[in-house]
Structures are given as C-alpha cells and as structure tokens.
Amino acid sequence: MTKASLLSVRLPEDLAKRLENLAKSTDRSKSYLAACAVEEYLAVQEWQVTAIHEGIAAAEKGQVVGHDEALKELKRWGRR
C-alpha cells in the first residue's frame, strides 16, 4: 500500500459539484477521483516540460531542421 499525503484544495462550487456528481455516479470517492485527475495532469505536464528541455538542448547542439525541410515533413504528415 502506498503512503498518502493529505492535501486540501479549494475548488469553485461548480467544479466541486461536478466532482461530487461523478463520484456518486461512479461509486468512487471524491478523493480518489481528484488524485486520478492530478496524476493525469502531472503526467502530461511532466512530459511536455521534458520535451521542451530536450528540444532546447538539441537546438543548442545545432540539431535543428530548416524551415523548408520542416514544412516538407509536415505536408507529408497530411497525406494518407
């Protein structure tokens, strides 16, 4: 079992009501759903920050693609 920390969060009333409604309809606790939401948000944000740092490091090493080459690649993505 994982050790848990207590965190108090203030939510706008409409968001709190939505959380409560979802908890009731899924038979889950508000705490469980909030923890899942935080986990998902952090995963996306951490991925994005890591990708940005990797991009900056690549650019600093000169590992970049020219504008024309980038447009050519993007146009290729649009083809099916």
PDB file of N, CA and C in Angstrom:
ATOM      1  N   MET A   1       0.850  -1.183   0.000  1.00  0.00           N
ATOM      2  CA  MET A   1       0.000   0.000   0.000  1.00  0.00           C
ATOM      3  C   MET A   1       0.892   1.241   0.000  1.00  0.00           C
ATOM      4  N   THR A   2       0.544   2.220  -0.807  1.00  0.00           N
ATOM      5  CA  THR A   2       1.327   3.433  -0.918  1.00  0.00           C
ATOM      6  C   THR A   2       0.977   4.407   0.192  1.00  0.00           C
ATOM      7  N   LYS A   3       1.978   5.067   0.701  1.00  0.00           N
ATOM      8  CA  LYS A   3       1.756   6.083   1.724  1.00  0.00           C
ATOM      9  C   LYS A   3       1.102   7.303   1.064  1.00  0.00           C
ATOM     10  N   ALA A   4       0.127   7.882   1.718  1.00  0.00           N
ATOM     11  CA  ALA A   4      -0.609   9.009   1.156  1.00  0.00           C
ATOM     12  C   ALA A   4      -0.370  10.270   1.979  1.00  0.00           C
ATOM     13  N   SER A   5      -0.457  11.401   1.300  1.00  0.00           N
ATOM     14  CA  SER A   5      -0.365  12.701   1.959  1.00  0.00           C
ATOM     15  C   SER A   5      -1.708  13.398   1.849  1.00  0.00           C
ATOM     16  N   LEU A   6      -2.028  14.166   2.844  1.00  0.00           N
ATOM     17  CA  LEU A   6      -3.268  14.928   2.848  1.00  0.00           C
ATOM     18  C   LEU A   6      -3.019  16.275   2.185  1.00  0.00           C
ATOM     19  N   LEU A   7      -3.910  16.654   1.269  1.00  0.00           N
ATOM     20  CA  LEU A   7      -3.812  17.924   0.557  1.00  0.00           C
ATOM     21  C   LEU A   7      -5.194  18.552   0.521  1.00  0.00           C
ATOM     22  N   SER A   8      -5.282  19.774   0.933  1.00  0.00           N
ATOM     23  CA  SER A   8      -6.550  20.480   0.910  1.00  0.00           C
ATOM     24  C   SER A   8      -6.560  21.409  -0.301  1.00  0.00           C
ATOM     25  N   VAL A   9      -7.644  21.356  -1.076  1.00  0.00           N
ATOM     26  CA  VAL A   9      -7.743  22.158  -2.300  1.00  0.00           C
ATOM     27  C   VAL A   9      -9.066  22.901  -2.306  1.00  0.00           C
ATOM     28  N   ARG A  10      -9.014  24.165  -2.627  1.00  0.00           N
ATOM     29  CA  ARG A  10     -10.247  24.945  -2.781  1.00  0.00           C
ATOM     30  C   ARG A  10     -10.677  24.877  -4.242  1.00  0.00           C
ATOM     31  N   LEU A  11     -11.940  24.514  -4.461  1.00  0.00           N
ATOM     32  CA  LEU A  11     -12.476  24.408  -5.816  1.00  0.00           C
ATOM     33  C   LEU A  11     -13.652  25.354  -5.973  1.00  0.00           C
ATOM     34  N   PRO A  12     -13.841  25.907  -7.160  1.00  0.00           N
ATOM     35  CA  PRO A  12     -15.065  26.668  -7.419  1.00  0.00           C
ATOM     36  C   PRO A  12     -16.268  25.744  -7.203  1.00  0.00           C
ATOM     37  N   GLU A  13     -17.368  26.309  -6.769  1.00  0.00           N
ATOM     38  CA  GLU A  13     -18.546  25.497  -6.432  1.00  0.00           C
ATOM     39  C   GLU A  13     -18.986  24.595  -7.562  1.00  0.00           C
ATOM     40  N   ASP A  14     -18.976  25.097  -8.795  1.00  0.00           N
ATOM     41  CA  ASP A  14     -19.443  24.281  -9.910  1.00  0.00           C
ATOM     42  C   ASP A  14     -18.524  23.073 -10.141  1.00  0.00           C
ATOM     43  N   LEU A  15     -17.232  23.258  -9.978  1.00  0.00           N
ATOM     44  CA  LEU A  15     -16.287  22.167 -10.145  1.00  0.00           C
ATOM     45  C   LEU A  15     -16.438  21.147  -9.014  1.00  0.00           C
ATOM     46  N   ALA A  16     -16.636  21.629  -7.815  1.00  0.00           N
ATOM     47  CA  ALA A  16     -16.843  20.739  -6.667  1.00  0.00           C
ATOM     48  C   ALA A  16     -18.119  19.910  -6.855  1.00  0.00           C
ATOM     49  N   LYS A  17     -19.147  20.517  -7.391  1.00  0.00           N
ATOM     50  CA  LYS A  17     -20.416  19.814  -7.630  1.00  0.00           C
ATOM     51  C   LYS A  17     -20.231  18.750  -8.706  1.00  0.00           C
ATOM     52  N   ARG A  18     -19.501  19.081  -9.758  1.00  0.00           N
ATOM     53  CA  ARG A  18     -19.224  18.103 -10.815  1.00  0.00           C
ATOM     54  C   ARG A  18     -18.447  16.913 -10.262  1.00  0.00           C
ATOM     55  N   LEU A  19     -17.474  17.198  -9.410  1.00  0.00           N
ATOM     56  CA  LEU A  19     -16.685  16.138  -8.784  1.00  0.00           C
ATOM     57  C   LEU A  19     -17.580  15.254  -7.922  1.00  0.00           C
ATOM     58  N   GLU A  20     -18.430  15.882  -7.153  1.00  0.00           N
ATOM     59  CA  GLU A  20     -19.355  15.137  -6.296  1.00  0.00           C
ATOM     60  C   GLU A  20     -20.294  14.263  -7.125  1.00  0.00           C
ATOM     61  N   ASN A  21     -20.830  14.818  -8.196  1.00  0.00           N
ATOM     62  CA  ASN A  21     -21.736  14.059  -9.066  1.00  0.00           C
ATOM     63  C   ASN A  21     -21.033  12.867  -9.705  1.00  0.00           C
ATOM     64  N   LEU A  22     -19.812  13.078 -10.182  1.00  0.00           N
ATOM     65  CA  LEU A  22     -19.069  11.985 -10.796  1.00  0.00           C
ATOM     66  C   LEU A  22     -18.731  10.911  -9.763  1.00  0.00           C
ATOM     67  N   ALA A  23     -18.375  11.327  -8.579  1.00  0.00           N
ATOM     68  CA  ALA A  23     -18.067  10.376  -7.512  1.00  0.00           C
ATOM     69  C   ALA A  23     -19.284   9.492  -7.217  1.00  0.00           C
ATOM     70  N   LYS A  24     -20.447  10.108  -7.134  1.00  0.00           N
ATOM     71  CA  LYS A  24     -21.669   9.347  -6.864  1.00  0.00           C
ATOM     72  C   LYS A  24     -21.982   8.397  -8.011  1.00  0.00           C
ATOM     73  N   SER A  25     -21.882   8.879  -9.241  1.00  0.00           N
ATOM     74  CA  SER A  25     -22.276   8.044 -10.381  1.00  0.00           C
ATOM     75  C   SER A  25     -21.281   6.929 -10.680  1.00  0.00           C
ATOM     76  N   THR A  26     -20.048   7.067 -10.229  1.00  0.00           N
ATOM     77  CA  THR A  26     -19.041   6.020 -10.471  1.00  0.00           C
ATOM     78  C   THR A  26     -18.755   5.194  -9.225  1.00  0.00           C
ATOM     79  N   ASP A  27     -19.423   5.532  -8.142  1.00  0.00           N
ATOM     80  CA  ASP A  27     -19.215   4.855  -6.856  1.00  0.00           C
ATOM     81  C   ASP A  27     -17.747   4.905  -6.431  1.00  0.00           C
ATOM     82  N   ARG A  28     -17.149   6.070  -6.630  1.00  0.00           N
ATOM     83  CA  ARG A  28     -15.766   6.332  -6.210  1.00  0.00           C
ATOM     84  C   ARG A  28     -15.791   7.518  -5.260  1.00  0.00           C
ATOM     85  N   SER A  29     -14.726   7.660  -4.482  1.00  0.00           N
ATOM     86  CA  SER A  29     -14.670   8.818  -3.581  1.00  0.00           C
ATOM     87  C   SER A  29     -14.175  10.036  -4.358  1.00  0.00           C
ATOM     88  N   LYS A  30     -14.531  11.195  -3.861  1.00  0.00           N
ATOM     89  CA  LYS A  30     -14.043  12.443  -4.462  1.00  0.00           C
ATOM     90  C   LYS A  30     -12.524  12.483  -4.379  1.00  0.00           C
ATOM     91  N   SER A  31     -11.984  11.993  -3.298  1.00  0.00           N
ATOM     92  CA  SER A  31     -10.542  11.967  -3.102  1.00  0.00           C
ATOM     93  C   SER A  31      -9.858  11.110  -4.169  1.00  0.00           C
ATOM     94  N   TYR A  32     -10.433   9.940  -4.440  1.00  0.00           N
ATOM     95  CA  TYR A  32      -9.874   9.051  -5.460  1.00  0.00           C
ATOM     96  C   TYR A  32      -9.885   9.731  -6.823  1.00  0.00           C
ATOM     97  N   LEU A  33     -11.016  10.320  -7.187  1.00  0.00           N
ATOM     98  CA  LEU A  33     -11.132  10.975  -8.494  1.00  0.00           C
ATOM     99  C   LEU A  33     -10.191  12.172  -8.599  1.00  0.00           C
ATOM    100  N   ALA A  34     -10.064  12.937  -7.530  1.00  0.00           N
ATOM    101  CA  ALA A  34      -9.156  14.088  -7.544  1.00  0.00           C
ATOM    102  C   ALA A  34      -7.714  13.625  -7.704  1.00  0.00           C
ATOM    103  N   ALA A  35      -7.340  12.547  -7.021  1.00  0.00           N
ATOM    104  CA  ALA A  35      -5.982  12.017  -7.140  1.00  0.00           C
ATOM    105  C   ALA A  35      -5.718  11.537  -8.566  1.00  0.00           C
ATOM    106  N   CYS A  36      -6.703  10.886  -9.183  1.00  0.00           N
ATOM    107  CA  CYS A  36      -6.558  10.441 -10.576  1.00  0.00           C
ATOM    108  C   CYS A  36      -6.381  11.638 -11.510  1.00  0.00           C
ATOM    109  N   ALA A  37      -7.156  12.687 -11.281  1.00  0.00           N
ATOM    110  CA  ALA A  37      -7.067  13.884 -12.120  1.00  0.00           C
ATOM    111  C   ALA A  37      -5.705  14.556 -11.979  1.00  0.00           C
ATOM    112  N   VAL A  38      -5.204  14.651 -10.766  1.00  0.00           N
ATOM    113  CA  VAL A  38      -3.889  15.252 -10.530  1.00  0.00           C
ATOM    114  C   VAL A  38      -2.807  14.404 -11.194  1.00  0.00           C
ATOM    115  N   GLU A  39      -2.902  13.093 -11.058  1.00  0.00           N
ATOM    116  CA  GLU A  39      -1.931  12.181 -11.677  1.00  0.00           C
ATOM    117  C   GLU A  39      -1.881  12.371 -13.190  1.00  0.00           C
ATOM    118  N   GLU A  40      -3.055  12.417 -13.815  1.00  0.00           N
ATOM    119  CA  GLU A  40      -3.122  12.591 -15.270  1.00  0.00           C
ATOM    120  C   GLU A  40      -2.557  13.946 -15.685  1.00  0.00           C
ATOM    121  N   TYR A  41      -2.919  14.993 -14.987  1.00  0.00           N
ATOM    122  CA  TYR A  41      -2.421  16.335 -15.291  1.00  0.00           C
ATOM    123  C   TYR A  41      -0.903  16.389 -15.168  1.00  0.00           C
ATOM    124  N   LEU A  42      -0.367  15.844 -14.085  1.00  0.00           N
ATOM    125  CA  LEU A  42       1.081  15.865 -13.877  1.00  0.00           C
ATOM    126  C   LEU A  42       1.809  15.081 -14.950  1.00  0.00           C
ATOM    127  N   ALA A  43       1.271  13.937 -15.354  1.00  0.00           N
ATOM    128  CA  ALA A  43       1.911  13.128 -16.398  1.00  0.00           C
ATOM    129  C   ALA A  43       2.039  13.921 -17.696  1.00  0.00           C
ATOM    130  N   VAL A  44       0.978  14.611 -18.080  1.00  0.00           N
ATOM    131  CA  VAL A  44       1.003  15.408 -19.316  1.00  0.00           C
ATOM    132  C   VAL A  44       1.974  16.576 -19.183  1.00  0.00           C
ATOM    133  N   GLN A  45       1.909  17.287 -18.075  1.00  0.00           N
ATOM    134  CA  GLN A  45       2.769  18.447 -17.888  1.00  0.00           C
ATOM    135  C   GLN A  45       4.247  18.049 -17.802  1.00  0.00           C
ATOM    136  N   GLU A  46       4.533  16.963 -17.092  1.00  0.00           N
ATOM    137  CA  GLU A  46       5.917  16.495 -16.980  1.00  0.00           C
ATOM    138  C   GLU A  46       6.462  16.085 -18.342  1.00  0.00           C
ATOM    139  N   TRP A  47       5.630  15.404 -19.134  1.00  0.00           N
ATOM    140  CA  TRP A  47       6.043  15.006 -20.479  1.00  0.00           C
ATOM    141  C   TRP A  47       6.356  16.241 -21.316  1.00  0.00           C
ATOM    142  N   GLN A  48       5.480  17.232 -21.258  1.00  0.00           N
ATOM    143  CA  GLN A  48       5.661  18.441 -22.060  1.00  0.00           C
ATOM    144  C   GLN A  48       6.920  19.200 -21.646  1.00  0.00           C
ATOM    145  N   VAL A  49       7.149  19.365 -20.368  1.00  0.00           N
ATOM    146  CA  VAL A  49       8.336  20.074 -19.887  1.00  0.00           C
ATOM    147  C   VAL A  49       9.609  19.328 -20.308  1.00  0.00           C
ATOM    148  N   THR A  50       9.590  17.995 -20.195  1.00  0.00           N
ATOM    149  CA  THR A  50      10.741  17.192 -20.615  1.00  0.00           C
ATOM    150  C   THR A  50      11.000  17.381 -22.109  1.00  0.00           C
ATOM    151  N   ALA A  51       9.955  17.334 -22.917  1.00  0.00           N
ATOM    152  CA  ALA A  51      10.102  17.510 -24.360  1.00  0.00           C
ATOM    153  C   ALA A  51      10.659  18.889 -24.700  1.00  0.00           C
ATOM    154  N   ILE A  52      10.222  19.908 -23.988  1.00  0.00           N
ATOM    155  CA  ILE A  52      10.726  21.269 -24.221  1.00  0.00           C
ATOM    156  C   ILE A  52      12.211  21.332 -23.894  1.00  0.00           C
ATOM    157  N   HIS A  53      12.603  20.766 -22.763  1.00  0.00           N
ATOM    158  CA  HIS A  53      14.020  20.772 -22.375  1.00  0.00           C
ATOM    159  C   HIS A  53      14.874  20.009 -23.387  1.00  0.00           C
ATOM    160  N   GLU A  54      14.350  18.888 -23.874  1.00  0.00           N
ATOM    161  CA  GLU A  54      15.074  18.117 -24.886  1.00  0.00           C
ATOM    162  C   GLU A  54      15.212  18.919 -26.177  1.00  0.00           C
ATOM    163  N   GLY A  55      14.172  19.628 -26.560  1.00  0.00           N
ATOM    164  CA  GLY A  55      14.213  20.457 -27.759  1.00  0.00           C
ATOM    165  C   GLY A  55      15.214  21.593 -27.635  1.00  0.00           C
ATOM    166  N   ILE A  56      15.243  22.223 -26.476  1.00  0.00           N
ATOM    167  CA  ILE A  56      16.209  23.309 -26.238  1.00  0.00           C
ATOM    168  C   ILE A  56      17.629  22.765 -26.298  1.00  0.00           C
ATOM    169  N   ALA A  57      17.866  21.612 -25.677  1.00  0.00           N
ATOM    170  CA  ALA A  57      19.205  21.008 -25.689  1.00  0.00           C
ATOM    171  C   ALA A  57      19.619  20.656 -27.111  1.00  0.00           C
ATOM    172  N   ALA A  58      18.705  20.110 -27.902  1.00  0.00           N
ATOM    173  CA  ALA A  58      19.014  19.769 -29.288  1.00  0.00           C
ATOM    174  C   ALA A  58      19.336  21.027 -30.090  1.00  0.00           C
ATOM    175  N   ALA A  59      18.562  22.078 -29.882  1.00  0.00           N
ATOM    176  CA  ALA A  59      18.803  23.337 -30.597  1.00  0.00           C
ATOM    177  C   ALA A  59      20.157  23.919 -30.220  1.00  0.00           C
ATOM    178  N   GLU A  60      20.517  23.845 -28.949  1.00  0.00           N
ATOM    179  CA  GLU A  60      21.814  24.368 -28.504  1.00  0.00           C
ATOM    180  C   GLU A  60      22.974  23.587 -29.115  1.00  0.00           C
ATOM    181  N   LYS A  61      22.737  22.314 -29.470  1.00  0.00           N
ATOM    182  CA  LYS A  61      23.766  21.490 -30.116  1.00  0.00           C
ATOM    183  C   LYS A  61      23.738  21.655 -31.637  1.00  0.00           C
ATOM    184  N   GLY A  62      22.807  22.483 -32.127  1.00  0.00           N
ATOM    185  CA  GLY A  62      22.698  22.689 -33.570  1.00  0.00           C
ATOM    186  C   GLY A  62      21.910  21.610 -34.283  1.00  0.00           C
ATOM    187  N   GLN A  63      21.228  20.773 -33.528  1.00  0.00           N
ATOM    188  CA  GLN A  63      20.438  19.688 -34.112  1.00  0.00           C
ATOM    189  C   GLN A  63      19.046  20.197 -34.468  1.00  0.00           C
ATOM    190  N   VAL A  64      18.996  21.013 -35.507  1.00  0.00           N
ATOM    191  CA  VAL A  64      17.739  21.621 -35.923  1.00  0.00           C
ATOM    192  C   VAL A  64      17.485  21.316 -37.397  1.00  0.00           C
ATOM    193  N   VAL A  65      16.260  21.494 -37.810  1.00  0.00           N
ATOM    194  CA  VAL A  65      15.847  21.280 -39.192  1.00  0.00           C
ATOM    195  C   VAL A  65      15.455  22.640 -39.758  1.00  0.00           C
ATOM    196  N   GLY A  66      15.833  22.883 -40.980  1.00  0.00           N
ATOM    197  CA  GLY A  66      15.475  24.147 -41.624  1.00  0.00           C
ATOM    198  C   GLY A  66      13.986  24.268 -41.868  1.00  0.00           C
ATOM    199  N   HIS A  67      13.539  25.478 -42.075  1.00  0.00           N
ATOM    200  CA  HIS A  67      12.115  25.775 -42.267  1.00  0.00           C
ATOM    201  C   HIS A  67      11.529  24.992 -43.432  1.00  0.00           C
ATOM    202  N   ASP A  68      12.201  25.017 -44.571  1.00  0.00           N
ATOM    203  CA  ASP A  68      11.684  24.335 -45.759  1.00  0.00           C
ATOM    204  C   ASP A  68      11.573  22.827 -45.536  1.00  0.00           C
ATOM    205  N   GLU A  69      12.578  22.255 -44.897  1.00  0.00           N
ATOM    206  CA  GLU A  69      12.557  20.819 -44.607  1.00  0.00           C
ATOM    207  C   GLU A  69      11.433  20.477 -43.623  1.00  0.00           C
ATOM    208  N   ALA A  70      11.213  21.342 -42.648  1.00  0.00           N
ATOM    209  CA  ALA A  70      10.136  21.118 -41.679  1.00  0.00           C
ATOM    210  C   ALA A  70       8.772  21.171 -42.364  1.00  0.00           C
ATOM    211  N   LEU A  71       8.574  22.147 -43.253  1.00  0.00           N
ATOM    212  CA  LEU A  71       7.303  22.248 -43.977  1.00  0.00           C
ATOM    213  C   LEU A  71       7.075  21.023 -44.853  1.00  0.00           C
ATOM    214  N   LYS A  72       8.120  20.550 -45.486  1.00  0.00           N
ATOM    215  CA  LYS A  72       8.023  19.358 -46.330  1.00  0.00           C
ATOM    216  C   LYS A  72       7.573  18.155 -45.495  1.00  0.00           C
ATOM    217  N   GLU A  73       8.148  18.012 -44.319  1.00  0.00           N
ATOM    218  CA  GLU A  73       7.779  16.911 -43.439  1.00  0.00           C
ATOM    219  C   GLU A  73       6.331  17.043 -42.957  1.00  0.00           C
ATOM    220  N   LEU A  74       5.926  18.253 -42.595  1.00  0.00           N
ATOM    221  CA  LEU A  74       4.550  18.467 -42.132  1.00  0.00           C
ATOM    222  C   LEU A  74       3.541  18.173 -43.235  1.00  0.00           C
ATOM    223  N   LYS A  75       3.858  18.552 -44.449  1.00  0.00           N
ATOM    224  CA  LYS A  75       2.954  18.270 -45.579  1.00  0.00           C
ATOM    225  C   LYS A  75       2.834  16.766 -45.782  1.00  0.00           C
ATOM    226  N   ARG A  76       3.927  16.042 -45.571  1.00  0.00           N
ATOM    227  CA  ARG A  76       3.903  14.592 -45.717  1.00  0.00           C
ATOM    228  C   ARG A  76       2.990  13.961 -44.664  1.00  0.00           C
ATOM    229  N   TRP A  77       2.921  14.539 -43.477  1.00  0.00           N
ATOM    230  CA  TRP A  77       2.040  14.035 -42.428  1.00  0.00           C
ATOM    231  C   TRP A  77       0.573  14.124 -42.840  1.00  0.00           C
ATOM    232  N   GLY A  78       0.255  15.144 -43.634  1.00  0.00           N
ATOM    233  CA  GLY A  78      -1.128  15.368 -44.034  1.00  0.00           C
ATOM    234  C   GLY A  78      -1.617  14.387 -45.086  1.00  0.00           C
ATOM    235  N   ARG A  79      -0.710  13.663 -45.716  1.00  0.00           N
ATOM    236  CA  ARG A  79      -1.105  12.683 -46.741  1.00  0.00           C
ATOM    237  C   ARG A  79      -1.527  11.378 -46.089  1.00  0.00           C
ATOM    238  N   ARG A  80      -2.477  10.726 -46.718  1.00  0.00           N
ATOM    239  CA  ARG A  80      -2.927   9.420 -46.200  1.00  0.00           C
ATOM    240  C   ARG A  80      -2.570   8.332 -47.167  1.00  0.00           C
TER     241      ARG A  80
END
